[in-house]
Amino acid sequence: MYFRLYNSLETFQRMMNSIVWKLLHDGVLENYMDNFVILAKTIKKLEEQMIRFLKIAEKYNLCFKQLKCNFNMEEILILEVIVTKEQV
């Protein structure tokens, strides 16, 4: 689906949620528009969840800019709120 002015942000968000619904339901992933945060308590779990997410992304032909990707972060900024690993 191509997004132009006639497609709403809500439509895009619904599409993203439908693609990653299993991860959202399992509490592994948080998603807002095109921002994805994979949650895990250990590095091993994080790697497993990341592999699951990347397989889904590959299946739906989603692409990511490497410059915008951060991996194994203990603290991130989401919508101007700092989230630490202790809060997960």
PDB file of N, CA and C in Angstrom:
ATOM      1  N   MET A   1       0.841  -1.173   0.000  1.00  0.00           N
ATOM      2  CA  MET A   1       0.000   0.000   0.000  1.00  0.00           C
ATOM      3  C   MET A   1       0.888   1.238   0.000  1.00  0.00           C
ATOM      4  N   TYR A   2       0.634   2.127  -0.913  1.00  0.00           N
ATOM      5  CA  TYR A   2       1.390   3.367  -0.975  1.00  0.00           C
ATOM      6  C   TYR A   2       0.649   4.450  -0.193  1.00  0.00           C
ATOM      7  N   PHE A   3       1.393   5.224   0.554  1.00  0.00           N
ATOM      8  CA  PHE A   3       0.785   6.247   1.387  1.00  0.00           C
ATOM      9  C   PHE A   3       1.014   7.621   0.772  1.00  0.00           C
ATOM     10  N   ARG A   4      -0.043   8.327   0.587  1.00  0.00           N
ATOM     11  CA  ARG A   4      -0.026   9.690   0.072  1.00  0.00           C
ATOM     12  C   ARG A   4      -0.915  10.533   0.980  1.00  0.00           C
ATOM     13  N   LEU A   5      -1.249  11.702   0.539  1.00  0.00           N
ATOM     14  CA  LEU A   5      -2.089  12.591   1.330  1.00  0.00           C
ATOM     15  C   LEU A   5      -3.478  12.026   1.597  1.00  0.00           C
ATOM     16  N   TYR A   6      -3.968  11.156   0.725  1.00  0.00           N
ATOM     17  CA  TYR A   6      -5.320  10.627   0.894  1.00  0.00           C
ATOM     18  C   TYR A   6      -5.373   9.461   1.883  1.00  0.00           C
ATOM     19  N   ASN A   7      -4.252   8.980   2.357  1.00  0.00           N
ATOM     20  CA  ASN A   7      -4.235   7.918   3.368  1.00  0.00           C
ATOM     21  C   ASN A   7      -3.921   8.518   4.724  1.00  0.00           C
ATOM     22  N   SER A   8      -4.660   8.134   5.711  1.00  0.00           N
ATOM     23  CA  SER A   8      -4.477   8.722   7.032  1.00  0.00           C
ATOM     24  C   SER A   8      -3.387   8.008   7.828  1.00  0.00           C
ATOM     25  N   LEU A   9      -2.908   8.691   8.851  1.00  0.00           N
ATOM     26  CA  LEU A   9      -1.932   8.095   9.763  1.00  0.00           C
ATOM     27  C   LEU A   9      -2.532   6.902  10.491  1.00  0.00           C
ATOM     28  N   GLU A  10      -3.828   6.970  10.795  1.00  0.00           N
ATOM     29  CA  GLU A  10      -4.487   5.863  11.479  1.00  0.00           C
ATOM     30  C   GLU A  10      -4.474   4.596  10.626  1.00  0.00           C
ATOM     31  N   THR A  11      -4.620   4.765   9.325  1.00  0.00           N
ATOM     32  CA  THR A  11      -4.574   3.623   8.411  1.00  0.00           C
ATOM     33  C   THR A  11      -3.191   2.992   8.440  1.00  0.00           C
ATOM     34  N   PHE A  12      -2.162   3.822   8.418  1.00  0.00           N
ATOM     35  CA  PHE A  12      -0.791   3.318   8.477  1.00  0.00           C
ATOM     36  C   PHE A  12      -0.551   2.581   9.799  1.00  0.00           C
ATOM     37  N   GLN A  13      -1.004   3.161  10.918  1.00  0.00           N
ATOM     38  CA  GLN A  13      -0.812   2.537  12.226  1.00  0.00           C
ATOM     39  C   GLN A  13      -1.545   1.196  12.296  1.00  0.00           C
ATOM     40  N   ARG A  14      -2.765   1.135  11.771  1.00  0.00           N
ATOM     41  CA  ARG A  14      -3.524  -0.126  11.764  1.00  0.00           C
ATOM     42  C   ARG A  14      -2.799  -1.185  10.942  1.00  0.00           C
ATOM     43  N   MET A  15      -2.230  -0.775   9.811  1.00  0.00           N
ATOM     44  CA  MET A  15      -1.500  -1.723   8.974  1.00  0.00           C
ATOM     45  C   MET A  15      -0.276  -2.262   9.715  1.00  0.00           C
ATOM     46  N   MET A  16       0.486  -1.378  10.350  1.00  0.00           N
ATOM     47  CA  MET A  16       1.661  -1.825  11.113  1.00  0.00           C
ATOM     48  C   MET A  16       1.249  -2.757  12.250  1.00  0.00           C
ATOM     49  N   ASN A  17       0.177  -2.415  12.958  1.00  0.00           N
ATOM     50  CA  ASN A  17      -0.298  -3.260  14.059  1.00  0.00           C
ATOM     51  C   ASN A  17      -0.745  -4.628  13.560  1.00  0.00           C
ATOM     52  N   SER A  18      -1.367  -4.668  12.386  1.00  0.00           N
ATOM     53  CA  SER A  18      -1.814  -5.961  11.862  1.00  0.00           C
ATOM     54  C   SER A  18      -0.630  -6.835  11.451  1.00  0.00           C
ATOM     55  N   ILE A  19       0.452  -6.220  11.020  1.00  0.00           N
ATOM     56  CA  ILE A  19       1.635  -6.991  10.624  1.00  0.00           C
ATOM     57  C   ILE A  19       2.325  -7.599  11.847  1.00  0.00           C
ATOM     58  N   VAL A  20       2.453  -6.834  12.914  1.00  0.00           N
ATOM     59  CA  VAL A  20       3.209  -7.293  14.091  1.00  0.00           C
ATOM     60  C   VAL A  20       2.291  -7.645  15.265  1.00  0.00           C
ATOM     61  N   TRP A  21       1.017  -7.980  14.990  1.00  0.00           N
ATOM     62  CA  TRP A  21       0.037  -8.196  16.051  1.00  0.00           C
ATOM     63  C   TRP A  21       0.466  -9.264  17.048  1.00  0.00           C
ATOM     64  N   LYS A  22       1.098 -10.334  16.601  1.00  0.00           N
ATOM     65  CA  LYS A  22       1.500 -11.418  17.507  1.00  0.00           C
ATOM     66  C   LYS A  22       2.524 -10.916  18.524  1.00  0.00           C
ATOM     67  N   LEU A  23       3.501 -10.150  18.080  1.00  0.00           N
ATOM     68  CA  LEU A  23       4.504  -9.602  18.985  1.00  0.00           C
ATOM     69  C   LEU A  23       3.895  -8.573  19.930  1.00  0.00           C
ATOM     70  N   LEU A  24       2.958  -7.775  19.434  1.00  0.00           N
ATOM     71  CA  LEU A  24       2.274  -6.803  20.289  1.00  0.00           C
ATOM     72  C   LEU A  24       1.478  -7.530  21.371  1.00  0.00           C
ATOM     73  N   HIS A  25       0.778  -8.593  20.972  1.00  0.00           N
ATOM     74  CA  HIS A  25      -0.034  -9.367  21.908  1.00  0.00           C
ATOM     75  C   HIS A  25       0.818 -10.046  22.980  1.00  0.00           C
ATOM     76  N   ASP A  26       1.987 -10.527  22.594  1.00  0.00           N
ATOM     77  CA  ASP A  26       2.890 -11.204  23.527  1.00  0.00           C
ATOM     78  C   ASP A  26       3.623 -10.232  24.450  1.00  0.00           C
ATOM     79  N   GLY A  27       3.498  -8.932  24.221  1.00  0.00           N
ATOM     80  CA  GLY A  27       4.176  -7.938  25.044  1.00  0.00           C
ATOM     81  C   GLY A  27       5.652  -7.800  24.737  1.00  0.00           C
ATOM     82  N   VAL A  28       6.058  -8.267  23.573  1.00  0.00           N
ATOM     83  CA  VAL A  28       7.456  -8.249  23.166  1.00  0.00           C
ATOM     84  C   VAL A  28       7.817  -6.940  22.473  1.00  0.00           C
ATOM     85  N   LEU A  29       6.835  -6.306  21.886  1.00  0.00           N
ATOM     86  CA  LEU A  29       7.091  -5.173  21.007  1.00  0.00           C
ATOM     87  C   LEU A  29       6.151  -4.027  21.350  1.00  0.00           C
ATOM     88  N   GLU A  30       6.676  -2.829  21.258  1.00  0.00           N
ATOM     89  CA  GLU A  30       5.863  -1.618  21.322  1.00  0.00           C
ATOM     90  C   GLU A  30       6.049  -0.909  19.989  1.00  0.00           C
ATOM     91  N   ASN A  31       4.962  -0.391  19.456  1.00  0.00           N
ATOM     92  CA  ASN A  31       5.003   0.197  18.123  1.00  0.00           C
ATOM     93  C   ASN A  31       4.207   1.488  18.092  1.00  0.00           C
ATOM     94  N   TYR A  32       4.830   2.534  17.547  1.00  0.00           N
ATOM     95  CA  TYR A  32       4.124   3.774  17.251  1.00  0.00           C
ATOM     96  C   TYR A  32       4.554   4.214  15.865  1.00  0.00           C
ATOM     97  N   MET A  33       3.627   4.151  14.943  1.00  0.00           N
ATOM     98  CA  MET A  33       3.856   4.463  13.538  1.00  0.00           C
ATOM     99  C   MET A  33       4.988   3.583  12.990  1.00  0.00           C
ATOM    100  N   ASP A  34       6.147   4.173  12.670  1.00  0.00           N
ATOM    101  CA  ASP A  34       7.248   3.373  12.133  1.00  0.00           C
ATOM    102  C   ASP A  34       8.372   3.212  13.149  1.00  0.00           C
ATOM    103  N   ASN A  35       8.066   3.381  14.415  1.00  0.00           N
ATOM    104  CA  ASN A  35       9.046   3.176  15.490  1.00  0.00           C
ATOM    105  C   ASN A  35       8.715   1.880  16.220  1.00  0.00           C
ATOM    106  N   PHE A  36       9.696   1.013  16.313  1.00  0.00           N
ATOM    107  CA  PHE A  36       9.510  -0.272  16.965  1.00  0.00           C
ATOM    108  C   PHE A  36      10.493  -0.397  18.119  1.00  0.00           C
ATOM    109  N   VAL A  37      10.008  -0.827  19.271  1.00  0.00           N
ATOM    110  CA  VAL A  37      10.860  -1.068  20.429  1.00  0.00           C
ATOM    111  C   VAL A  37      10.630  -2.509  20.847  1.00  0.00           C
ATOM    112  N   ILE A  38      11.699  -3.289  20.840  1.00  0.00           N
ATOM    113  CA  ILE A  38      11.620  -4.687  21.250  1.00  0.00           C
ATOM    114  C   ILE A  38      12.038  -4.763  22.708  1.00  0.00           C
ATOM    115  N   LEU A  39      11.177  -5.341  23.530  1.00  0.00           N
ATOM    116  CA  LEU A  39      11.398  -5.390  24.972  1.00  0.00           C
ATOM    117  C   LEU A  39      11.860  -6.772  25.409  1.00  0.00           C
ATOM    118  N   ALA A  40      12.861  -6.817  26.297  1.00  0.00           N
ATOM    119  CA  ALA A  40      13.341  -8.087  26.844  1.00  0.00           C
ATOM    120  C   ALA A  40      14.122  -7.819  28.120  1.00  0.00           C
ATOM    121  N   LYS A  41      14.139  -8.807  28.990  1.00  0.00           N
ATOM    122  CA  LYS A  41      14.851  -8.664  30.261  1.00  0.00           C
ATOM    123  C   LYS A  41      16.303  -9.121  30.174  1.00  0.00           C
ATOM    124  N   THR A  42      16.611 -10.012  29.238  1.00  0.00           N
ATOM    125  CA  THR A  42      17.986 -10.490  29.081  1.00  0.00           C
ATOM    126  C   THR A  42      18.426 -10.318  27.622  1.00  0.00           C
ATOM    127  N   ILE A  43      19.730 -10.331  27.423  1.00  0.00           N
ATOM    128  CA  ILE A  43      20.287 -10.208  26.064  1.00  0.00           C
ATOM    129  C   ILE A  43      19.841 -11.388  25.204  1.00  0.00           C
ATOM    130  N   LYS A  44      19.830 -12.595  25.767  1.00  0.00           N
ATOM    131  CA  LYS A  44      19.429 -13.785  25.013  1.00  0.00           C
ATOM    132  C   LYS A  44      17.983 -13.655  24.541  1.00  0.00           C
ATOM    133  N   LYS A  45      17.093 -13.233  25.450  1.00  0.00           N
ATOM    134  CA  LYS A  45      15.690 -13.046  25.095  1.00  0.00           C
ATOM    135  C   LYS A  45      15.549 -11.952  24.025  1.00  0.00           C
ATOM    136  N   LEU A  46      16.332 -10.892  24.164  1.00  0.00           N
ATOM    137  CA  LEU A  46      16.293  -9.801  23.194  1.00  0.00           C
ATOM    138  C   LEU A  46      16.680 -10.295  21.806  1.00  0.00           C
ATOM    139  N   GLU A  47      17.709 -11.105  21.725  1.00  0.00           N
ATOM    140  CA  GLU A  47      18.138 -11.651  20.434  1.00  0.00           C
ATOM    141  C   GLU A  47      17.054 -12.532  19.827  1.00  0.00           C
ATOM    142  N   GLU A  48      16.408 -13.362  20.657  1.00  0.00           N
ATOM    143  CA  GLU A  48      15.325 -14.221  20.165  1.00  0.00           C
ATOM    144  C   GLU A  48      14.165 -13.384  19.619  1.00  0.00           C
ATOM    145  N   GLN A  49      13.773 -12.356  20.380  1.00  0.00           N
ATOM    146  CA  GLN A  49      12.655 -11.513  19.963  1.00  0.00           C
ATOM    147  C   GLN A  49      13.013 -10.708  18.718  1.00  0.00           C
ATOM    148  N   MET A  50      14.256 -10.269  18.619  1.00  0.00           N
ATOM    149  CA  MET A  50      14.688  -9.510  17.455  1.00  0.00           C
ATOM    150  C   MET A  50      14.649 -10.384  16.204  1.00  0.00           C
ATOM    151  N   ILE A  51      15.054 -11.625  16.333  1.00  0.00           N
ATOM    152  CA  ILE A  51      15.000 -12.553  15.199  1.00  0.00           C
ATOM    153  C   ILE A  51      13.556 -12.767  14.766  1.00  0.00           C
ATOM    154  N   ARG A  52      12.649 -12.946  15.738  1.00  0.00           N
ATOM    155  CA  ARG A  52      11.214 -13.084  15.416  1.00  0.00           C
ATOM    156  C   ARG A  52      10.717 -11.854  14.654  1.00  0.00           C
ATOM    157  N   PHE A  53      11.068 -10.677  15.156  1.00  0.00           N
ATOM    158  CA  PHE A  53      10.629  -9.434  14.523  1.00  0.00           C
ATOM    159  C   PHE A  53      11.196  -9.298  13.109  1.00  0.00           C
ATOM    160  N   LEU A  54      12.477  -9.584  12.938  1.00  0.00           N
ATOM    161  CA  LEU A  54      13.101  -9.438  11.622  1.00  0.00           C
ATOM    162  C   LEU A  54      12.547 -10.440  10.611  1.00  0.00           C
ATOM    163  N   LYS A  55      12.157 -11.632  11.058  1.00  0.00           N
ATOM    164  CA  LYS A  55      11.523 -12.601  10.153  1.00  0.00           C
ATOM    165  C   LYS A  55      10.174 -12.088   9.674  1.00  0.00           C
ATOM    166  N   ILE A  56       9.404 -11.484  10.592  1.00  0.00           N
ATOM    167  CA  ILE A  56       8.117 -10.898  10.209  1.00  0.00           C
ATOM    168  C   ILE A  56       8.344  -9.741   9.245  1.00  0.00           C
ATOM    169  N   ALA A  57       9.321  -8.892   9.542  1.00  0.00           N
ATOM    170  CA  ALA A  57       9.626  -7.748   8.675  1.00  0.00           C
ATOM    171  C   ALA A  57      10.025  -8.225   7.284  1.00  0.00           C
ATOM    172  N   GLU A  58      10.819  -9.275   7.219  1.00  0.00           N
ATOM    173  CA  GLU A  58      11.240  -9.814   5.927  1.00  0.00           C
ATOM    174  C   GLU A  58      10.041 -10.371   5.153  1.00  0.00           C
ATOM    175  N   LYS A  59       9.156 -11.063   5.862  1.00  0.00           N
ATOM    176  CA  LYS A  59       7.966 -11.642   5.227  1.00  0.00           C
ATOM    177  C   LYS A  59       7.104 -10.557   4.565  1.00  0.00           C
ATOM    178  N   TYR A  60       6.977  -9.400   5.211  1.00  0.00           N
ATOM    179  CA  TYR A  60       6.154  -8.313   4.693  1.00  0.00           C
ATOM    180  C   TYR A  60       6.961  -7.264   3.931  1.00  0.00           C
ATOM    181  N   ASN A  61       8.230  -7.581   3.663  1.00  0.00           N
ATOM    182  CA  ASN A  61       9.099  -6.734   2.867  1.00  0.00           C
ATOM    183  C   ASN A  61       9.261  -5.326   3.465  1.00  0.00           C
ATOM    184  N   LEU A  62       9.373  -5.249   4.793  1.00  0.00           N
ATOM    185  CA  LEU A  62       9.624  -3.980   5.459  1.00  0.00           C
ATOM    186  C   LEU A  62      11.117  -3.684   5.414  1.00  0.00           C
ATOM    187  N   CYS A  63      11.465  -2.438   5.195  1.00  0.00           N
ATOM    188  CA  CYS A  63      12.862  -2.030   5.131  1.00  0.00           C
ATOM    189  C   CYS A  63      13.157  -1.041   6.248  1.00  0.00           C
ATOM    190  N   PHE A  64      14.401  -1.033   6.711  1.00  0.00           N
ATOM    191  CA  PHE A  64      14.825  -0.153   7.793  1.00  0.00           C
ATOM    192  C   PHE A  64      16.096   0.570   7.392  1.00  0.00           C
ATOM    193  N   LYS A  65      16.212   1.816   7.798  1.00  0.00           N
ATOM    194  CA  LYS A  65      17.455   2.553   7.586  1.00  0.00           C
ATOM    195  C   LYS A  65      18.398   2.220   8.726  1.00  0.00           C
ATOM    196  N   GLN A  66      19.580   1.745   8.385  1.00  0.00           N
ATOM    197  CA  GLN A  66      20.542   1.331   9.393  1.00  0.00           C
ATOM    198  C   GLN A  66      20.923   2.483  10.320  1.00  0.00           C
ATOM    199  N   LEU A  67      20.984   3.694   9.802  1.00  0.00           N
ATOM    200  CA  LEU A  67      21.348   4.849  10.631  1.00  0.00           C
ATOM    201  C   LEU A  67      20.318   5.129  11.730  1.00  0.00           C
ATOM    202  N   LYS A  68      19.081   4.715  11.520  1.00  0.00           N
ATOM    203  CA  LYS A  68      18.028   4.965  12.499  1.00  0.00           C
ATOM    204  C   LYS A  68      17.819   3.810  13.461  1.00  0.00           C
ATOM    205  N   CYS A  69      18.561   2.730  13.306  1.00  0.00           N
ATOM    206  CA  CYS A  69      18.407   1.555  14.163  1.00  0.00           C
ATOM    207  C   CYS A  69      19.405   1.601  15.317  1.00  0.00           C
ATOM    208  N   ASN A  70      18.937   1.294  16.495  1.00  0.00           N
ATOM    209  CA  ASN A  70      19.779   1.171  17.680  1.00  0.00           C
ATOM    210  C   ASN A  70      19.535  -0.201  18.286  1.00  0.00           C
ATOM    211  N   PHE A  71      20.603  -0.892  18.606  1.00  0.00           N
ATOM    212  CA  PHE A  71      20.481  -2.242  19.137  1.00  0.00           C
ATOM    213  C   PHE A  71      21.062  -2.325  20.540  1.00  0.00           C
ATOM    214  N   ASN A  72      20.482  -3.202  21.350  1.00  0.00           N
ATOM    215  CA  ASN A  72      20.956  -3.486  22.713  1.00  0.00           C
ATOM    216  C   ASN A  72      21.090  -2.231  23.562  1.00  0.00           C
ATOM    217  N   MET A  73      20.108  -1.374  23.488  1.00  0.00           N
ATOM    218  CA  MET A  73      20.119  -0.139  24.268  1.00  0.00           C
ATOM    219  C   MET A  73      19.556  -0.403  25.660  1.00  0.00           C
ATOM    220  N   GLU A  74      20.161   0.182  26.674  1.00  0.00           N
ATOM    221  CA  GLU A  74      19.643   0.077  28.026  1.00  0.00           C
ATOM    222  C   GLU A  74      18.752   1.262  28.371  1.00  0.00           C
ATOM    223  N   GLU A  75      18.796   2.288  27.524  1.00  0.00           N
ATOM    224  CA  GLU A  75      18.003   3.491  27.750  1.00  0.00           C
ATOM    225  C   GLU A  75      17.678   4.110  26.393  1.00  0.00           C
ATOM    226  N   ILE A  76      16.387   4.427  26.174  1.00  0.00           N
ATOM    227  CA  ILE A  76      15.986   5.030  24.908  1.00  0.00           C
ATOM    228  C   ILE A  76      15.036   6.197  25.166  1.00  0.00           C
ATOM    229  N   LEU A  77      14.915   7.039  24.179  1.00  0.00           N
ATOM    230  CA  LEU A  77      14.013   8.189  24.240  1.00  0.00           C
ATOM    231  C   LEU A  77      12.834   7.904  23.323  1.00  0.00           C
ATOM    232  N   ILE A  78      11.627   7.810  23.893  1.00  0.00           N
ATOM    233  CA  ILE A  78      10.419   7.547  23.123  1.00  0.00           C
ATOM    234  C   ILE A  78       9.438   8.677  23.393  1.00  0.00           C
ATOM    235  N   LEU A  79       9.089   9.410  22.359  1.00  0.00           N
ATOM    236  CA  LEU A  79       8.135  10.524  22.485  1.00  0.00           C
ATOM    237  C   LEU A  79       8.517  11.445  23.629  1.00  0.00           C
ATOM    238  N   GLU A  80       9.801  11.786  23.673  1.00  0.00           N
ATOM    239  CA  GLU A  80      10.355  12.720  24.678  1.00  0.00           C
ATOM    240  C   GLU A  80      10.332  12.151  26.107  1.00  0.00           C
ATOM    241  N   VAL A  81      10.208  10.835  26.257  1.00  0.00           N
ATOM    242  CA  VAL A  81      10.256  10.198  27.574  1.00  0.00           C
ATOM    243  C   VAL A  81      11.407   9.197  27.561  1.00  0.00           C
ATOM    244  N   ILE A  82      12.281   9.271  28.565  1.00  0.00           N
ATOM    245  CA  ILE A  82      13.392   8.326  28.655  1.00  0.00           C
ATOM    246  C   ILE A  82      12.890   7.049  29.331  1.00  0.00           C
ATOM    247  N   VAL A  83      13.096   5.924  28.655  1.00  0.00           N
ATOM    248  CA  VAL A  83      12.709   4.619  29.176  1.00  0.00           C
ATOM    249  C   VAL A  83      13.983   3.825  29.419  1.00  0.00           C
ATOM    250  N   THR A  84      14.117   3.281  30.632  1.00  0.00           N
ATOM    251  CA  THR A  84      15.295   2.498  30.983  1.00  0.00           C
ATOM    252  C   THR A  84      14.928   1.032  31.086  1.00  0.00           C
ATOM    253  N   LYS A  85      15.937   0.184  31.093  1.00  0.00           N
ATOM    254  CA  LYS A  85      15.671  -1.254  31.139  1.00  0.00           C
ATOM    255  C   LYS A  85      15.010  -1.676  32.444  1.00  0.00           C
ATOM    256  N   GLU A  86      15.188  -0.914  33.515  1.00  0.00           N
ATOM    257  CA  GLU A  86      14.554  -1.238  34.781  1.00  0.00           C
ATOM    258  C   GLU A  86      13.034  -1.061  34.694  1.00  0.00           C
ATOM    259  N   GLN A  87      12.573  -0.184  33.806  1.00  0.00           N
ATOM    260  CA  GLN A  87      11.138   0.071  33.662  1.00  0.00           C
ATOM    261  C   GLN A  87      10.443  -0.992  32.842  1.00  0.00           C
ATOM    262  N   VAL A  88      11.201  -1.796  32.121  1.00  0.00           N
ATOM    263  CA  VAL A  88      10.618  -2.863  31.316  1.00  0.00           C
ATOM    264  C   VAL A  88      10.256  -3.950  32.230  1.00  0.00           C
TER     265      VAL A  88
END
